[in-house]
Amino acid sequence: MKGKHRKTLEAIFSKPTKANIKFRDIEILIKALGGEVREGSGSRVALELSGTREYAHRPHPGKEAKKYIVEKKS
């Protein structure tokens, strides 16, 4: 696991939840761990890892994942 992936993983599981985690970094981490990111309609994406699938919406206009999305995943 690369250092950037490790930092993203630490940020996801930190308490209190950080508000500056880029959604793209979460997608890259999932792919690096052998998961899959599939495009849905609009900004919806399916994040699948180890047989677990979660759905989320890409943030816009910003790049940071909403806190409630990160908390749901962790």
N, C-alpha and C. Protein backbone atom coordinates (compact mmCIF):
# COMPACT_ATOMS: atom_id res chain seq x y z
N MET A 1 0.85 -1.17 0.00
CA MET A 1 0.00 0.00 0.00
C MET A 1 0.90 1.24 0.00
N LYS A 2 0.62 2.14 -0.89
CA LYS A 2 1.39 3.37 -0.98
C LYS A 2 1.07 4.29 0.19
N GLY A 3 1.96 5.22 0.44
CA GLY A 3 1.79 6.16 1.53
C GLY A 3 0.53 7.00 1.41
N LYS A 4 0.19 7.41 0.21
CA LYS A 4 -1.03 8.20 0.00
C LYS A 4 -2.27 7.39 0.35
N HIS A 5 -2.26 6.11 -0.03
CA HIS A 5 -3.40 5.25 0.30
C HIS A 5 -3.53 5.09 1.81
N ARG A 6 -2.40 4.92 2.48
CA ARG A 6 -2.40 4.76 3.93
C ARG A 6 -2.95 6.02 4.61
N LYS A 7 -2.55 7.19 4.12
CA LYS A 7 -3.04 8.45 4.70
C LYS A 7 -4.54 8.60 4.49
N THR A 8 -5.03 8.21 3.32
CA THR A 8 -6.47 8.27 3.06
C THR A 8 -7.21 7.33 3.99
N LEU A 9 -6.70 6.13 4.17
CA LEU A 9 -7.32 5.16 5.05
C LEU A 9 -7.35 5.66 6.50
N GLU A 10 -6.25 6.25 6.95
CA GLU A 10 -6.20 6.82 8.30
C GLU A 10 -7.20 7.96 8.45
N ALA A 11 -7.33 8.78 7.41
CA ALA A 11 -8.28 9.90 7.46
C ALA A 11 -9.73 9.40 7.54
N ILE A 12 -10.02 8.32 6.83
CA ILE A 12 -11.38 7.77 6.83
C ILE A 12 -11.76 7.30 8.23
N PHE A 13 -10.83 6.67 8.94
CA PHE A 13 -11.14 6.09 10.24
C PHE A 13 -10.80 7.00 11.42
N SER A 14 -10.37 8.23 11.15
CA SER A 14 -10.05 9.14 12.24
C SER A 14 -11.33 9.68 12.88
N LYS A 15 -11.25 9.96 14.16
CA LYS A 15 -12.36 10.55 14.89
C LYS A 15 -11.86 11.83 15.53
N PRO A 16 -12.52 12.93 15.39
CA PRO A 16 -13.74 13.14 14.64
C PRO A 16 -13.48 13.06 13.13
N THR A 17 -14.53 12.83 12.39
CA THR A 17 -14.42 12.66 10.94
C THR A 17 -13.90 13.93 10.29
N LYS A 18 -12.90 13.76 9.45
CA LYS A 18 -12.32 14.91 8.74
C LYS A 18 -13.24 15.35 7.61
N ALA A 19 -13.22 16.65 7.35
CA ALA A 19 -14.08 17.22 6.31
C ALA A 19 -13.32 17.49 5.02
N ASN A 20 -12.04 17.13 4.96
CA ASN A 20 -11.24 17.47 3.78
C ASN A 20 -10.75 16.25 3.00
N ILE A 21 -11.44 15.13 3.09
CA ILE A 21 -11.03 13.93 2.36
C ILE A 21 -11.61 14.03 0.95
N LYS A 22 -10.74 13.99 -0.03
CA LYS A 22 -11.20 14.07 -1.42
C LYS A 22 -11.86 12.76 -1.83
N PHE A 23 -13.02 12.87 -2.46
CA PHE A 23 -13.77 11.70 -2.87
C PHE A 23 -12.95 10.87 -3.85
N ARG A 24 -12.20 11.53 -4.70
CA ARG A 24 -11.35 10.84 -5.67
C ARG A 24 -10.30 9.97 -4.98
N ASP A 25 -9.77 10.44 -3.84
CA ASP A 25 -8.79 9.65 -3.08
C ASP A 25 -9.43 8.38 -2.52
N ILE A 26 -10.70 8.47 -2.14
CA ILE A 26 -11.42 7.29 -1.66
C ILE A 26 -11.59 6.29 -2.80
N GLU A 27 -11.95 6.77 -3.98
CA GLU A 27 -12.09 5.89 -5.14
C GLU A 27 -10.77 5.20 -5.48
N ILE A 28 -9.68 5.95 -5.45
CA ILE A 28 -8.36 5.39 -5.76
C ILE A 28 -7.97 4.35 -4.73
N LEU A 29 -8.26 4.59 -3.46
CA LEU A 29 -7.97 3.64 -2.40
C LEU A 29 -8.73 2.34 -2.61
N ILE A 30 -9.99 2.43 -2.94
CA ILE A 30 -10.80 1.22 -3.17
C ILE A 30 -10.22 0.40 -4.32
N LYS A 31 -9.84 1.06 -5.39
CA LYS A 31 -9.24 0.35 -6.53
C LYS A 31 -7.91 -0.29 -6.13
N ALA A 32 -7.10 0.41 -5.32
CA ALA A 32 -5.81 -0.11 -4.89
C ALA A 32 -5.97 -1.34 -4.00
N LEU A 33 -7.08 -1.41 -3.27
CA LEU A 33 -7.34 -2.55 -2.40
C LEU A 33 -8.02 -3.71 -3.13
N GLY A 34 -8.18 -3.57 -4.44
CA GLY A 34 -8.76 -4.65 -5.24
C GLY A 34 -10.26 -4.52 -5.44
N GLY A 35 -10.81 -3.38 -5.04
CA GLY A 35 -12.24 -3.16 -5.20
C GLY A 35 -12.58 -2.60 -6.57
N GLU A 36 -13.82 -2.24 -6.71
CA GLU A 36 -14.31 -1.75 -8.00
C GLU A 36 -15.16 -0.50 -7.78
N VAL A 37 -14.99 0.46 -8.68
CA VAL A 37 -15.80 1.67 -8.67
C VAL A 37 -16.54 1.71 -10.00
N ARG A 38 -17.87 1.67 -9.93
CA ARG A 38 -18.67 1.67 -11.16
C ARG A 38 -19.52 2.93 -11.24
N GLU A 39 -19.58 3.45 -12.43
CA GLU A 39 -20.36 4.66 -12.68
C GLU A 39 -21.84 4.33 -12.74
N GLY A 40 -22.64 5.18 -12.15
CA GLY A 40 -24.08 5.06 -12.25
C GLY A 40 -24.61 6.22 -13.07
N SER A 41 -25.87 6.53 -12.90
CA SER A 41 -26.43 7.66 -13.63
C SER A 41 -26.14 8.95 -12.86
N GLY A 42 -25.86 9.99 -13.60
CA GLY A 42 -25.54 11.27 -12.98
C GLY A 42 -24.23 11.19 -12.21
N SER A 43 -24.26 11.62 -10.95
CA SER A 43 -23.05 11.60 -10.14
C SER A 43 -22.99 10.38 -9.23
N ARG A 44 -23.88 9.45 -9.42
CA ARG A 44 -23.94 8.26 -8.57
C ARG A 44 -22.85 7.26 -8.95
N VAL A 45 -22.20 6.69 -7.94
CA VAL A 45 -21.19 5.65 -8.15
C VAL A 45 -21.43 4.51 -7.18
N ALA A 46 -21.07 3.31 -7.61
CA ALA A 46 -21.13 2.13 -6.75
C ALA A 46 -19.71 1.81 -6.34
N LEU A 47 -19.49 1.70 -5.04
CA LEU A 47 -18.18 1.38 -4.49
C LEU A 47 -18.27 -0.03 -3.93
N GLU A 48 -17.48 -0.94 -4.50
CA GLU A 48 -17.55 -2.35 -4.09
C GLU A 48 -16.18 -2.84 -3.64
N LEU A 49 -16.16 -3.46 -2.44
CA LEU A 49 -14.93 -3.98 -1.88
C LEU A 49 -15.26 -5.19 -1.03
N SER A 50 -14.61 -6.30 -1.30
CA SER A 50 -14.80 -7.54 -0.54
C SER A 50 -16.26 -7.98 -0.48
N GLY A 51 -16.96 -7.86 -1.59
CA GLY A 51 -18.34 -8.31 -1.65
C GLY A 51 -19.35 -7.35 -1.06
N THR A 52 -18.90 -6.23 -0.53
CA THR A 52 -19.80 -5.22 0.02
C THR A 52 -19.92 -4.07 -0.97
N ARG A 53 -21.14 -3.67 -1.24
CA ARG A 53 -21.38 -2.59 -2.20
C ARG A 53 -22.11 -1.46 -1.50
N GLU A 54 -21.59 -0.25 -1.69
CA GLU A 54 -22.21 0.97 -1.18
C GLU A 54 -22.38 1.93 -2.34
N TYR A 55 -23.43 2.71 -2.26
CA TYR A 55 -23.68 3.71 -3.29
C TYR A 55 -23.46 5.10 -2.71
N ALA A 56 -22.90 5.97 -3.51
CA ALA A 56 -22.66 7.35 -3.08
C ALA A 56 -22.79 8.26 -4.28
N HIS A 57 -22.88 9.54 -4.01
CA HIS A 57 -22.90 10.54 -5.07
C HIS A 57 -21.61 11.34 -4.99
N ARG A 58 -20.99 11.53 -6.15
CA ARG A 58 -19.79 12.35 -6.19
C ARG A 58 -20.18 13.77 -5.79
N PRO A 59 -19.36 14.38 -4.95
CA PRO A 59 -19.68 15.75 -4.52
C PRO A 59 -19.48 16.74 -5.67
N HIS A 60 -20.33 17.73 -5.70
CA HIS A 60 -20.17 18.80 -6.67
C HIS A 60 -20.85 20.03 -6.10
N PRO A 61 -20.36 21.17 -6.23
CA PRO A 61 -19.22 21.54 -7.06
C PRO A 61 -17.87 21.27 -6.40
N GLY A 62 -17.81 20.96 -5.11
CA GLY A 62 -16.54 20.72 -4.43
C GLY A 62 -15.99 19.34 -4.73
N LYS A 63 -14.84 19.02 -4.14
CA LYS A 63 -14.18 17.73 -4.36
C LYS A 63 -14.18 16.87 -3.11
N GLU A 64 -14.46 17.48 -1.95
CA GLU A 64 -14.38 16.76 -0.68
C GLU A 64 -15.64 15.92 -0.45
N ALA A 65 -15.42 14.72 0.06
CA ALA A 65 -16.53 13.83 0.40
C ALA A 65 -17.26 14.41 1.61
N LYS A 66 -18.55 14.33 1.60
CA LYS A 66 -19.34 14.79 2.74
C LYS A 66 -19.05 13.90 3.94
N LYS A 67 -19.10 14.49 5.12
CA LYS A 67 -18.79 13.73 6.34
C LYS A 67 -19.71 12.52 6.51
N TYR A 68 -20.98 12.69 6.20
CA TYR A 68 -21.91 11.57 6.41
C TYR A 68 -21.60 10.39 5.48
N ILE A 69 -21.03 10.64 4.33
CA ILE A 69 -20.65 9.56 3.41
C ILE A 69 -19.46 8.80 3.99
N VAL A 70 -18.47 9.53 4.50
CA VAL A 70 -17.28 8.89 5.08
C VAL A 70 -17.67 8.10 6.31
N GLU A 71 -18.53 8.65 7.16
CA GLU A 71 -18.96 7.94 8.37
C GLU A 71 -19.76 6.69 8.04
N LYS A 72 -20.54 6.74 6.99
CA LYS A 72 -21.33 5.57 6.57
C LYS A 72 -20.41 4.45 6.14
N LYS A 73 -19.30 4.78 5.48
CA LYS A 73 -18.39 3.78 4.93
C LYS A 73 -17.45 3.21 5.97
N SER A 74 -17.17 3.95 7.04
CA SER A 74 -16.16 3.48 7.99
C SER A 74 -16.72 2.69 9.12
